Amino acid sequence: MQILLAPMDGLTDVYAREILTDVGGYDFCVTEFLRVTDTLFPKRVFYRRFPELNPGLMKSGQQISHTKSGVPVFLQLLGSDNNAMADNAAKAVQLGAQGIDLNFGCPAKTVNRRDGGASLLQYPDRIHQLVKSVRQSVPLHIPVTAKMRLGYEDQLLAHDNALAIQEGGADWLTIHARTKKDGYRPPAYWEALAPIKQLLSIPVIANGEIWSVEDYYLCQRRSTCESVMLGRGAMVSFDLALQIKCRLQGKEIAALNWPSVCNCLEKLYQLMDQNHELNKKYIAPRLKLWIKWLMPNYQQAEDIFNTLKRIKDPQSAIQLIRASAIS
């Protein structure tokens, strides 16, 4: 049973990967997608999207393509050009990437209008060729994985797409249990994953609407998938992966209290503040975003959000968060 941290553009970046894997419970992370057109990117583009590849940023003892706590990180590529996808995958591996994940699930209109993400779910043959091209471009010991939704407008091609990904040579498949048309509206159709899992010989990982340990067990029963990828639930509960792992081991642990959550936010602030290439105007908005995600589970987050959302200065923002941790 494995738990993966989902790629969420603008949210589960290098800072989130470091902080959440340090809390614990995760076996793999996947980067936010790198959008591939017809270009072979220079090294600096890979380093910008995937800082864990940059030897100059490695902490003492940290492996390339791993978080500081030792969790492997895969690069996600999004595109539809077979040769460009293959070439960029090969270059990423040359730079040290431990795995390549292919995005067939992004529902964003801008991505889908440009022949990427979930729009490819209308064409199983093209998906097959994309996976095959990438698989052939990297050494066999490097995992090539994929993430898809159940379909574009409907679920009619779900089995065809899953088989296309397997026959293209993917090592495992993550399925977001909704179509592109469904977006992120509840529910997630976990039961639709069970026949796909039975159809395939590669592992199938469930994704979508897992907000709690109880949701994990319900998803597991309906999908028959033991392994899961956590997305938005990981931002609402920083310790969700750890809670699931402990429950499976017959252990009960207390959820992170607010001071512990604030320690994570302090780390987020420090990591961003120490990044000399980051425009400091982005620090306060990122802190606000994380606080907003925490509001369903922490009254303290709700208590400070109305004040925090008016603050633009990063130091003032973190001082408010620090004060809330001891009040």
C-alpha atoms as a PDB file:
ATOM      1  CA  MET A   1       0.000   0.000   0.000  1.00  0.00           C
ATOM      2  CA  GLN A   2       1.478   3.322  -1.072  1.00  0.00           C
ATOM      3  CA  ILE A   3       0.412   6.942  -0.694  1.00  0.00           C
ATOM      4  CA  LEU A   4       1.371   9.513  -3.294  1.00  0.00           C
ATOM      5  CA  LEU A   5       1.210  13.298  -3.071  1.00  0.00           C
ATOM      6  CA  ALA A   6      -0.706  14.631  -6.056  1.00  0.00           C
ATOM      7  CA  PRO A   7       0.590  17.250  -8.476  1.00  0.00           C
ATOM      8  CA  MET A   8      -1.566  20.363  -8.060  1.00  0.00           C
ATOM      9  CA  ASP A   9      -0.440  23.318 -10.136  1.00  0.00           C
ATOM     10  CA  GLY A  10       0.464  26.299  -7.977  1.00  0.00           C
ATOM     11  CA  LEU A  11      -0.008  24.397  -4.726  1.00  0.00           C
ATOM     12  CA  THR A  12       2.019  21.202  -4.227  1.00  0.00           C
ATOM     13  CA  ASP A  13       5.285  22.813  -5.273  1.00  0.00           C
ATOM     14  CA  VAL A  14       8.754  22.093  -3.901  1.00  0.00           C
ATOM     15  CA  TYR A  15       7.862  23.771  -0.581  1.00  0.00           C
ATOM     16  CA  ALA A  16       4.730  21.696  -0.072  1.00  0.00           C
ATOM     17  CA  ARG A  17       6.579  18.527  -1.042  1.00  0.00           C
ATOM     18  CA  GLU A  18       9.293  19.195   1.524  1.00  0.00           C
ATOM     19  CA  ILE A  19       6.897  20.108   4.327  1.00  0.00           C
ATOM     20  CA  LEU A  20       4.294  17.378   3.799  1.00  0.00           C
ATOM     21  CA  THR A  21       6.794  14.558   3.326  1.00  0.00           C
ATOM     22  CA  ASP A  22       8.557  15.712   6.485  1.00  0.00           C
ATOM     23  CA  VAL A  23       5.263  15.299   8.368  1.00  0.00           C
ATOM     24  CA  GLY A  24       5.259  11.747   6.999  1.00  0.00           C
ATOM     25  CA  GLY A  25       3.226   8.989   5.384  1.00  0.00           C
ATOM     26  CA  TYR A  26       4.112   9.592   1.733  1.00  0.00           C
ATOM     27  CA  ASP A  27       5.918   7.102  -0.502  1.00  0.00           C
ATOM     28  CA  PHE A  28       6.162   9.196  -3.684  1.00  0.00           C
ATOM     29  CA  CYS A  29       5.535  12.742  -4.889  1.00  0.00           C
ATOM     30  CA  VAL A  30       4.768  13.975  -8.393  1.00  0.00           C
ATOM     31  CA  THR A  31       5.728  17.481  -9.492  1.00  0.00           C
ATOM     32  CA  GLU A  32       3.365  20.033 -10.937  1.00  0.00           C
ATOM     33  CA  PHE A  33       3.183  19.408 -14.679  1.00  0.00           C
ATOM     34  CA  LEU A  34       5.800  20.681 -17.100  1.00  0.00           C
ATOM     35  CA  ARG A  35       3.941  21.723 -20.253  1.00  0.00           C
ATOM     36  CA  VAL A  36       5.683  20.292 -23.338  1.00  0.00           C
ATOM     37  CA  THR A  37       4.972  21.610 -26.836  1.00  0.00           C
ATOM     38  CA  ASP A  38       7.592  20.909 -29.521  1.00  0.00           C
ATOM     39  CA  THR A  39      10.638  22.098 -27.583  1.00  0.00           C
ATOM     40  CA  LEU A  40      13.450  20.312 -25.774  1.00  0.00           C
ATOM     41  CA  PHE A  41      13.823  22.392 -22.653  1.00  0.00           C
ATOM     42  CA  PRO A  42      17.181  23.606 -21.319  1.00  0.00           C
ATOM     43  CA  LYS A  43      18.359  22.448 -17.933  1.00  0.00           C
ATOM     44  CA  ARG A  44      17.224  25.613 -16.184  1.00  0.00           C
ATOM     45  CA  VAL A  45      13.567  24.913 -17.055  1.00  0.00           C
ATOM     46  CA  PHE A  46      13.724  21.489 -15.425  1.00  0.00           C
ATOM     47  CA  TYR A  47      15.403  22.972 -12.365  1.00  0.00           C
ATOM     48  CA  ARG A  48      12.736  25.686 -12.074  1.00  0.00           C
ATOM     49  CA  ARG A  49       9.841  23.205 -12.174  1.00  0.00           C
ATOM     50  CA  PHE A  50      11.675  20.425 -10.341  1.00  0.00           C
ATOM     51  CA  PRO A  51      14.195  21.974  -7.887  1.00  0.00           C
ATOM     52  CA  GLU A  52      14.932  18.557  -6.389  1.00  0.00           C
ATOM     53  CA  LEU A  53      16.959  17.871  -9.563  1.00  0.00           C
ATOM     54  CA  ASN A  54      19.301  20.804  -8.966  1.00  0.00           C
ATOM     55  CA  PRO A  55      22.507  19.645  -7.207  1.00  0.00           C
ATOM     56  CA  GLY A  56      23.174  23.230  -6.153  1.00  0.00           C
ATOM     57  CA  LEU A  57      20.025  23.232  -4.011  1.00  0.00           C
ATOM     58  CA  MET A  58      20.547  19.883  -2.317  1.00  0.00           C
ATOM     59  CA  LYS A  59      20.671  19.828   1.447  1.00  0.00           C
ATOM     60  CA  SER A  60      23.340  17.736   3.151  1.00  0.00           C
ATOM     61  CA  GLY A  61      22.647  14.038   2.547  1.00  0.00           C
ATOM     62  CA  GLN A  62      19.746  14.717   0.158  1.00  0.00           C
ATOM     63  CA  GLN A  63      19.503  12.573  -2.967  1.00  0.00           C
ATOM     64  CA  ILE A  64      18.713  13.959  -6.389  1.00  0.00           C
ATOM     65  CA  SER A  65      14.985  13.605  -7.226  1.00  0.00           C
ATOM     66  CA  HIS A  66      14.078  13.126  -3.553  1.00  0.00           C
ATOM     67  CA  THR A  67      12.666  15.438  -0.917  1.00  0.00           C
ATOM     68  CA  LYS A  68      14.860  16.291   2.050  1.00  0.00           C
ATOM     69  CA  SER A  69      13.133  13.520   4.039  1.00  0.00           C
ATOM     70  CA  GLY A  70      14.041  10.965   1.353  1.00  0.00           C
ATOM     71  CA  VAL A  71      10.760  10.568  -0.559  1.00  0.00           C
ATOM     72  CA  PRO A  72      11.231  10.028  -4.334  1.00  0.00           C
ATOM     73  CA  VAL A  73       9.851  12.700  -6.642  1.00  0.00           C
ATOM     74  CA  PHE A  74       8.718  12.016 -10.222  1.00  0.00           C
ATOM     75  CA  LEU A  75       8.510  14.661 -12.936  1.00  0.00           C
ATOM     76  CA  GLN A  76       5.100  15.059 -14.531  1.00  0.00           C
ATOM     77  CA  LEU A  77       5.003  15.941 -18.224  1.00  0.00           C
ATOM     78  CA  LEU A  78       1.925  17.226 -20.050  1.00  0.00           C
ATOM     79  CA  GLY A  79       1.769  17.356 -23.839  1.00  0.00           C
ATOM     80  CA  SER A  80       0.749  15.607 -27.028  1.00  0.00           C
ATOM     81  CA  ASP A  81       3.870  15.600 -29.218  1.00  0.00           C
ATOM     82  CA  ASN A  82       5.356  12.100 -29.043  1.00  0.00           C
ATOM     83  CA  ASN A  83       8.907  13.114 -29.922  1.00  0.00           C
ATOM     84  CA  ALA A  84       9.017  16.184 -27.689  1.00  0.00           C
ATOM     85  CA  MET A  85       7.572  14.266 -24.743  1.00  0.00           C
ATOM     86  CA  ALA A  86      10.083  11.472 -25.244  1.00  0.00           C
ATOM     87  CA  ASP A  87      13.033  13.840 -25.615  1.00  0.00           C
ATOM     88  CA  ASN A  88      12.147  15.836 -22.505  1.00  0.00           C
ATOM     89  CA  ALA A  89      11.590  12.666 -20.499  1.00  0.00           C
ATOM     90  CA  ALA A  90      15.013  11.397 -21.549  1.00  0.00           C
ATOM     91  CA  LYS A  91      16.679  14.682 -20.604  1.00  0.00           C
ATOM     92  CA  ALA A  92      14.954  14.736 -17.214  1.00  0.00           C
ATOM     93  CA  VAL A  93      16.265  11.254 -16.499  1.00  0.00           C
ATOM     94  CA  GLN A  94      19.760  12.306 -17.577  1.00  0.00           C
ATOM     95  CA  LEU A  95      19.512  15.093 -15.008  1.00  0.00           C
ATOM     96  CA  GLY A  96      18.602  12.536 -12.342  1.00  0.00           C
ATOM     97  CA  ALA A  97      14.802  12.183 -12.362  1.00  0.00           C
ATOM     98  CA  GLN A  98      13.778   8.941 -10.652  1.00  0.00           C
ATOM     99  CA  GLY A  99      10.532   8.603 -12.601  1.00  0.00           C
ATOM    100  CA  ILE A 100       8.327  10.203 -15.268  1.00  0.00           C
ATOM    101  CA  ASP A 101       4.577  10.685 -14.860  1.00  0.00           C
ATOM    102  CA  LEU A 102       2.307  11.574 -17.792  1.00  0.00           C
ATOM    103  CA  ASN A 103      -0.686  13.870 -17.364  1.00  0.00           C
ATOM    104  CA  PHE A 104      -3.926  12.736 -19.032  1.00  0.00           C
ATOM    105  CA  GLY A 105      -6.166  14.275 -16.412  1.00  0.00           C
ATOM    106  CA  CYS A 106      -5.797  18.053 -16.210  1.00  0.00           C
ATOM    107  CA  PRO A 107      -9.282  19.567 -16.708  1.00  0.00           C
ATOM    108  CA  ALA A 108      -8.132  23.179 -17.203  1.00  0.00           C
ATOM    109  CA  LYS A 109      -9.698  24.807 -20.261  1.00  0.00           C
ATOM    110  CA  THR A 110      -6.452  26.435 -21.363  1.00  0.00           C
ATOM    111  CA  VAL A 111      -4.684  23.061 -21.330  1.00  0.00           C
ATOM    112  CA  ASN A 112      -7.500  21.179 -23.044  1.00  0.00           C
ATOM    113  CA  ARG A 113      -7.856  23.775 -25.803  1.00  0.00           C
ATOM    114  CA  ARG A 114      -4.212  23.118 -26.658  1.00  0.00           C
ATOM    115  CA  ASP A 115      -4.474  19.363 -27.047  1.00  0.00           C
ATOM    116  CA  GLY A 116      -3.233  18.390 -23.612  1.00  0.00           C
ATOM    117  CA  GLY A 117      -4.354  16.852 -20.338  1.00  0.00           C
ATOM    118  CA  ALA A 118      -7.825  15.306 -20.231  1.00  0.00           C
ATOM    119  CA  SER A 119      -8.580  16.214 -23.863  1.00  0.00           C
ATOM    120  CA  LEU A 120      -6.410  13.263 -24.921  1.00  0.00           C
ATOM    121  CA  LEU A 121      -8.846  10.873 -23.235  1.00  0.00           C
ATOM    122  CA  GLN A 122     -10.909  11.116 -26.400  1.00  0.00           C
ATOM    123  CA  TYR A 123      -8.125   9.312 -28.301  1.00  0.00           C
ATOM    124  CA  PRO A 124      -6.880   6.054 -26.707  1.00  0.00           C
ATOM    125  CA  ASP A 125      -4.576   5.340 -29.674  1.00  0.00           C
ATOM    126  CA  ARG A 126      -2.766   8.629 -29.177  1.00  0.00           C
ATOM    127  CA  ILE A 127      -2.435   7.995 -25.448  1.00  0.00           C
ATOM    128  CA  HIS A 128      -0.938   4.593 -26.196  1.00  0.00           C
ATOM    129  CA  GLN A 129       1.637   6.083 -28.536  1.00  0.00           C
ATOM    130  CA  LEU A 130       2.591   8.830 -26.090  1.00  0.00           C
ATOM    131  CA  VAL A 131       3.186   6.364 -23.280  1.00  0.00           C
ATOM    132  CA  LYS A 132       5.087   4.044 -25.618  1.00  0.00           C
ATOM    133  CA  SER A 133       7.294   6.868 -26.910  1.00  0.00           C
ATOM    134  CA  VAL A 134       8.235   7.983 -23.406  1.00  0.00           C
ATOM    135  CA  ARG A 135       8.739   4.410 -22.196  1.00  0.00           C
ATOM    136  CA  GLN A 136      11.163   3.736 -25.058  1.00  0.00           C
ATOM    137  CA  SER A 137      13.097   6.936 -24.387  1.00  0.00           C
ATOM    138  CA  VAL A 138      14.172   6.160 -20.808  1.00  0.00           C
ATOM    139  CA  PRO A 139      15.959   3.188 -19.216  1.00  0.00           C
ATOM    140  CA  LEU A 140      13.768   0.302 -18.129  1.00  0.00           C
ATOM    141  CA  HIS A 141      14.634   0.758 -14.456  1.00  0.00           C
ATOM    142  CA  ILE A 142      13.064   4.240 -14.511  1.00  0.00           C
ATOM    143  CA  PRO A 143       9.321   4.046 -13.800  1.00  0.00           C
ATOM    144  CA  VAL A 144       6.990   5.603 -16.355  1.00  0.00           C
ATOM    145  CA  THR A 145       3.576   6.216 -14.820  1.00  0.00           C
ATOM    146  CA  ALA A 146       0.408   8.012 -15.856  1.00  0.00           C
ATOM    147  CA  LYS A 147      -2.526   9.827 -14.347  1.00  0.00           C
ATOM    148  CA  MET A 148      -5.919   9.953 -16.061  1.00  0.00           C
ATOM    149  CA  ARG A 149      -9.531  10.784 -15.359  1.00  0.00           C
ATOM    150  CA  LEU A 150     -12.412   8.443 -16.076  1.00  0.00           C
ATOM    151  CA  GLY A 151     -13.049  10.252 -19.338  1.00  0.00           C
ATOM    152  CA  TYR A 152     -13.626  13.551 -21.080  1.00  0.00           C
ATOM    153  CA  GLU A 153     -17.391  14.047 -21.362  1.00  0.00           C
ATOM    154  CA  ASP A 154     -18.321  10.568 -20.083  1.00  0.00           C
ATOM    155  CA  GLN A 155     -16.775   7.284 -18.926  1.00  0.00           C
ATOM    156  CA  LEU A 156     -17.270   5.314 -22.159  1.00  0.00           C
ATOM    157  CA  LEU A 157     -13.554   5.143 -23.026  1.00  0.00           C
ATOM    158  CA  ALA A 158     -12.245   4.607 -19.499  1.00  0.00           C
ATOM    159  CA  HIS A 159     -11.287   0.970 -20.058  1.00  0.00           C
ATOM    160  CA  ASP A 160      -9.807   1.687 -23.500  1.00  0.00           C
ATOM    161  CA  ASN A 161      -7.654   4.481 -22.099  1.00  0.00           C
ATOM    162  CA  ALA A 162      -6.484   2.399 -19.153  1.00  0.00           C
ATOM    163  CA  LEU A 163      -5.517  -0.465 -21.460  1.00  0.00           C
ATOM    164  CA  ALA A 164      -3.756   1.964 -23.813  1.00  0.00           C
ATOM    165  CA  ILE A 165      -1.658   3.227 -20.910  1.00  0.00           C
ATOM    166  CA  GLN A 166      -0.795  -0.286 -19.748  1.00  0.00           C
ATOM    167  CA  GLU A 167       0.037  -1.547 -23.236  1.00  0.00           C
ATOM    168  CA  GLY A 168       2.181   1.529 -23.844  1.00  0.00           C
ATOM    169  CA  GLY A 169       4.433   0.292 -21.040  1.00  0.00           C
ATOM    170  CA  ALA A 170       3.368   2.242 -17.950  1.00  0.00           C
ATOM    171  CA  ASP A 171       4.424   0.848 -14.592  1.00  0.00           C
ATOM    172  CA  TRP A 172       1.318   2.044 -12.775  1.00  0.00           C
ATOM    173  CA  LEU A 173      -1.769   4.154 -13.354  1.00  0.00           C
ATOM    174  CA  THR A 174      -3.397   6.732 -11.098  1.00  0.00           C
ATOM    175  CA  ILE A 175      -7.063   7.421 -11.809  1.00  0.00           C
ATOM    176  CA  HIS A 176      -8.896  10.523 -10.673  1.00  0.00           C
ATOM    177  CA  ALA A 177     -12.379   9.082 -10.241  1.00  0.00           C
ATOM    178  CA  ARG A 178     -14.225  11.767 -12.218  1.00  0.00           C
ATOM    179  CA  THR A 179     -14.432  12.882 -15.829  1.00  0.00           C
ATOM    180  CA  LYS A 180     -13.120  16.163 -17.166  1.00  0.00           C
ATOM    181  CA  LYS A 181     -16.729  17.361 -17.377  1.00  0.00           C
ATOM    182  CA  ASP A 182     -17.235  16.526 -13.685  1.00  0.00           C
ATOM    183  CA  GLY A 183     -14.347  18.809 -12.747  1.00  0.00           C
ATOM    184  CA  TYR A 184     -13.976  18.677  -8.977  1.00  0.00           C
ATOM    185  CA  ARG A 185     -17.655  18.406  -8.117  1.00  0.00           C
ATOM    186  CA  PRO A 186     -18.491  15.627  -5.627  1.00  0.00           C
ATOM    187  CA  PRO A 187     -18.857  12.753  -5.691  1.00  0.00           C
ATOM    188  CA  ALA A 188     -15.839  10.826  -6.888  1.00  0.00           C
ATOM    189  CA  TYR A 189     -16.945   7.648  -8.658  1.00  0.00           C
ATOM    190  CA  TRP A 190     -14.637   5.264  -6.828  1.00  0.00           C
ATOM    191  CA  GLU A 191     -16.696   2.229  -7.821  1.00  0.00           C
ATOM    192  CA  ALA A 192     -15.754   2.820 -11.476  1.00  0.00           C
ATOM    193  CA  LEU A 193     -12.137   1.986 -10.629  1.00  0.00           C
ATOM    194  CA  ALA A 194     -12.834  -1.584  -9.482  1.00  0.00           C
ATOM    195  CA  PRO A 195     -13.448  -3.079 -12.964  1.00  0.00           C
ATOM    196  CA  ILE A 196     -10.445  -1.185 -14.348  1.00  0.00           C
ATOM    197  CA  LYS A 197      -8.235  -2.577 -11.598  1.00  0.00           C
ATOM    198  CA  GLN A 198      -9.508  -6.064 -12.428  1.00  0.00           C
ATOM    199  CA  LEU A 199      -8.830  -5.482 -16.124  1.00  0.00           C
ATOM    200  CA  LEU A 200      -5.220  -4.364 -15.716  1.00  0.00           C
ATOM    201  CA  SER A 201      -2.137  -6.203 -14.544  1.00  0.00           C
ATOM    202  CA  ILE A 202      -0.317  -3.016 -13.430  1.00  0.00           C
ATOM    203  CA  PRO A 203      -1.155  -1.319 -10.120  1.00  0.00           C
ATOM    204  CA  VAL A 204      -4.050   1.145 -10.080  1.00  0.00           C
ATOM    205  CA  ILE A 205      -3.963   4.053  -7.625  1.00  0.00           C
ATOM    206  CA  ALA A 206      -7.181   5.810  -6.594  1.00  0.00           C
ATOM    207  CA  ASN A 207      -7.484   9.595  -6.439  1.00  0.00           C
ATOM    208  CA  GLY A 208     -10.266  12.032  -5.670  1.00  0.00           C
ATOM    209  CA  GLU A 209     -12.328  13.141  -2.633  1.00  0.00           C
ATOM    210  CA  ILE A 210     -10.148  11.522   0.028  1.00  0.00           C
ATOM    211  CA  TRP A 211     -10.372  14.027   2.859  1.00  0.00           C
ATOM    212  CA  SER A 212     -10.100  11.759   5.903  1.00  0.00           C
ATOM    213  CA  VAL A 213      -9.049   8.310   7.103  1.00  0.00           C
ATOM    214  CA  GLU A 214     -12.687   7.241   6.844  1.00  0.00           C
ATOM    215  CA  ASP A 215     -12.775   8.408   3.222  1.00  0.00           C
ATOM    216  CA  TYR A 216      -9.692   6.282   2.532  1.00  0.00           C
ATOM    217  CA  TYR A 217     -11.420   3.145   3.820  1.00  0.00           C
ATOM    218  CA  LEU A 218     -14.591   3.897   1.868  1.00  0.00           C
ATOM    219  CA  CYS A 219     -12.569   4.509  -1.286  1.00  0.00           C
ATOM    220  CA  GLN A 220     -10.637   1.290  -0.734  1.00  0.00           C
ATOM    221  CA  ARG A 221     -13.830  -0.744  -0.399  1.00  0.00           C
ATOM    222  CA  ARG A 222     -15.509   0.758  -3.457  1.00  0.00           C
ATOM    223  CA  SER A 223     -12.490   0.939  -5.756  1.00  0.00           C
ATOM    224  CA  THR A 224     -10.622  -2.139  -4.414  1.00  0.00           C
ATOM    225  CA  CYS A 225      -7.469   0.012  -4.678  1.00  0.00           C
ATOM    226  CA  GLU A 226      -5.278  -0.037  -1.605  1.00  0.00           C
ATOM    227  CA  SER A 227      -2.898   2.665  -2.819  1.00  0.00           C
ATOM    228  CA  VAL A 228      -4.091   6.248  -3.119  1.00  0.00           C
ATOM    229  CA  MET A 229      -2.969   9.661  -4.292  1.00  0.00           C
ATOM    230  CA  LEU A 230      -3.892  12.547  -1.987  1.00  0.00           C
ATOM    231  CA  GLY A 231      -4.535  15.983  -3.435  1.00  0.00           C
ATOM    232  CA  ARG A 232      -6.668  18.654  -1.798  1.00  0.00           C
ATOM    233  CA  GLY A 233      -7.106  16.489   1.299  1.00  0.00           C
ATOM    234  CA  ALA A 234      -3.369  16.751   1.902  1.00  0.00           C
ATOM    235  CA  MET A 235      -3.666  20.531   2.197  1.00  0.00           C
ATOM    236  CA  VAL A 236      -6.650  20.424   4.537  1.00  0.00           C
ATOM    237  CA  SER A 237      -4.904  17.914   6.835  1.00  0.00           C
ATOM    238  CA  PHE A 238      -1.111  18.035   6.634  1.00  0.00           C
ATOM    239  CA  ASP A 239      -0.896  14.681   8.420  1.00  0.00           C
ATOM    240  CA  LEU A 240      -3.584  12.816   6.449  1.00  0.00           C
ATOM    241  CA  ALA A 241      -1.116  10.378   4.856  1.00  0.00           C
ATOM    242  CA  LEU A 242       0.449   9.665   8.247  1.00  0.00           C
ATOM    243  CA  GLN A 243      -2.986   9.186   9.840  1.00  0.00           C
ATOM    244  CA  ILE A 244      -3.919   6.626   7.148  1.00  0.00           C
ATOM    245  CA  LYS A 245      -0.641   4.735   7.471  1.00  0.00           C
ATOM    246  CA  CYS A 246      -0.894   4.577  11.256  1.00  0.00           C
ATOM    247  CA  ARG A 247      -4.498   3.371  11.188  1.00  0.00           C
ATOM    248  CA  LEU A 248      -3.534   0.598   8.766  1.00  0.00           C
ATOM    249  CA  GLN A 249      -0.843  -0.449  11.244  1.00  0.00           C
ATOM    250  CA  GLY A 250      -3.384  -0.564  14.060  1.00  0.00           C
ATOM    251  CA  LYS A 251      -2.098   2.612  15.671  1.00  0.00           C
ATOM    252  CA  GLU A 252      -4.014   5.700  16.702  1.00  0.00           C
ATOM    253  CA  ILE A 253      -2.236   9.042  16.677  1.00  0.00           C
ATOM    254  CA  ALA A 254      -3.572  12.456  17.525  1.00  0.00           C
ATOM    255  CA  ALA A 255      -4.120  14.829  14.640  1.00  0.00           C
ATOM    256  CA  LEU A 256      -1.672  17.718  14.322  1.00  0.00           C
ATOM    257  CA  ASN A 257      -2.584  20.458  16.769  1.00  0.00           C
ATOM    258  CA  TRP A 258      -2.600  24.096  15.736  1.00  0.00           C
ATOM    259  CA  PRO A 259       0.896  24.937  17.087  1.00  0.00           C
ATOM    260  CA  SER A 260       2.298  22.025  15.043  1.00  0.00           C
ATOM    261  CA  VAL A 261       0.458  23.264  11.960  1.00  0.00           C
ATOM    262  CA  CYS A 262       1.913  26.721  12.582  1.00  0.00           C
ATOM    263  CA  ASN A 263       5.380  25.160  12.692  1.00  0.00           C
ATOM    264  CA  CYS A 264       4.722  23.883   9.172  1.00  0.00           C
ATOM    265  CA  LEU A 265       3.635  27.374   8.107  1.00  0.00           C
ATOM    266  CA  GLU A 266       6.768  28.814   9.708  1.00  0.00           C
ATOM    267  CA  LYS A 267       8.835  26.387   7.655  1.00  0.00           C
ATOM    268  CA  LEU A 268       6.964  27.421   4.521  1.00  0.00           C
ATOM    269  CA  TYR A 269       7.764  31.059   5.268  1.00  0.00           C
ATOM    270  CA  GLN A 270      11.444  30.315   5.914  1.00  0.00           C
ATOM    271  CA  LEU A 271      11.851  28.231   2.756  1.00  0.00           C
ATOM    272  CA  MET A 272      10.335  30.961   0.595  1.00  0.00           C
ATOM    273  CA  ASP A 273      12.202  33.761   2.348  1.00  0.00           C
ATOM    274  CA  GLN A 274      15.531  31.950   1.826  1.00  0.00           C
ATOM    275  CA  ASN A 275      14.895  31.551  -1.908  1.00  0.00           C
ATOM    276  CA  HIS A 276      16.701  34.554  -3.360  1.00  0.00           C
ATOM    277  CA  GLU A 277      15.162  33.975  -6.795  1.00  0.00           C
ATOM    278  CA  LEU A 278      11.601  34.191  -5.456  1.00  0.00           C
ATOM    279  CA  ASN A 279       9.837  37.547  -5.606  1.00  0.00           C
ATOM    280  CA  LYS A 280       8.960  38.219  -1.980  1.00  0.00           C
ATOM    281  CA  LYS A 281       5.543  39.569  -2.934  1.00  0.00           C
ATOM    282  CA  TYR A 282       4.427  35.958  -3.411  1.00  0.00           C
ATOM    283  CA  ILE A 283       5.118  34.912   0.187  1.00  0.00           C
ATOM    284  CA  ALA A 284       2.089  36.495   1.868  1.00  0.00           C
ATOM    285  CA  PRO A 285      -0.382  35.203  -0.773  1.00  0.00           C
ATOM    286  CA  ARG A 286       0.999  31.687  -0.384  1.00  0.00           C
ATOM    287  CA  LEU A 287       0.601  31.823   3.407  1.00  0.00           C
ATOM    288  CA  LYS A 288      -2.980  33.048   2.938  1.00  0.00           C
ATOM    289  CA  LEU A 289      -3.681  30.206   0.516  1.00  0.00           C
ATOM    290  CA  TRP A 290      -2.464  27.571   2.959  1.00  0.00           C
ATOM    291  CA  ILE A 291      -4.451  29.123   5.814  1.00  0.00           C
ATOM    292  CA  LYS A 292      -7.584  29.097   3.649  1.00  0.00           C
ATOM    293  CA  TRP A 293      -7.132  25.374   2.934  1.00  0.00           C
ATOM    294  CA  LEU A 294      -6.805  24.701   6.680  1.00  0.00           C
ATOM    295  CA  MET A 295     -10.044  26.456   7.640  1.00  0.00           C
ATOM    296  CA  PRO A 296     -12.321  23.372   7.433  1.00  0.00           C
ATOM    297  CA  ASN A 297     -10.272  21.588  10.113  1.00  0.00           C
ATOM    298  CA  TYR A 298      -8.901  24.400  12.288  1.00  0.00           C
ATOM    299  CA  GLN A 299     -10.985  27.122  13.907  1.00  0.00           C
ATOM    300  CA  GLN A 300      -7.792  29.114  14.484  1.00  0.00           C
ATOM    301  CA  ALA A 301      -7.265  29.359  10.719  1.00  0.00           C
ATOM    302  CA  GLU A 302     -10.759  30.760  10.313  1.00  0.00           C
ATOM    303  CA  ASP A 303     -10.200  33.166  13.199  1.00  0.00           C
ATOM    304  CA  ILE A 304      -7.182  34.836  11.616  1.00  0.00           C
ATOM    305  CA  PHE A 305      -8.078  34.617   7.925  1.00  0.00           C
ATOM    306  CA  ASN A 306     -10.109  37.827   7.679  1.00  0.00           C
ATOM    307  CA  THR A 307      -7.199  39.802   9.138  1.00  0.00           C
ATOM    308  CA  LEU A 308      -4.574  37.871   7.214  1.00  0.00           C
ATOM    309  CA  LYS A 309      -6.210  38.342   3.819  1.00  0.00           C
ATOM    310  CA  ARG A 310      -5.680  42.126   4.066  1.00  0.00           C
ATOM    311  CA  ILE A 311      -1.958  41.793   4.827  1.00  0.00           C
ATOM    312  CA  LYS A 312       0.597  42.130   2.033  1.00  0.00           C
ATOM    313  CA  ASP A 313       3.818  42.213   4.037  1.00  0.00           C
ATOM    314  CA  PRO A 314       5.251  38.680   4.555  1.00  0.00           C
ATOM    315  CA  GLN A 315       6.715  39.449   7.990  1.00  0.00           C
ATOM    316  CA  SER A 316       3.401  40.813   9.243  1.00  0.00           C
ATOM    317  CA  ALA A 317       1.646  37.711   7.899  1.00  0.00           C
ATOM    318  CA  ILE A 318       3.932  35.247   9.647  1.00  0.00           C
ATOM    319  CA  GLN A 319       3.833  37.290  12.874  1.00  0.00           C
ATOM    320  CA  LEU A 320       0.048  36.950  12.920  1.00  0.00           C
ATOM    321  CA  ILE A 321       0.357  33.191  12.417  1.00  0.00           C
ATOM    322  CA  ARG A 322       2.996  32.942  15.169  1.00  0.00           C
ATOM    323  CA  ALA A 323       0.754  34.844  17.568  1.00  0.00           C
ATOM    324  CA  SER A 324      -2.170  32.532  16.836  1.00  0.00           C
ATOM    325  CA  ALA A 325      -0.018  29.513  17.737  1.00  0.00           C
ATOM    326  CA  ILE A 326       0.445  30.686  21.315  1.00  0.00           C
ATOM    327  CA  SER A 327      -2.888  32.387  21.956  1.00  0.00           C
END
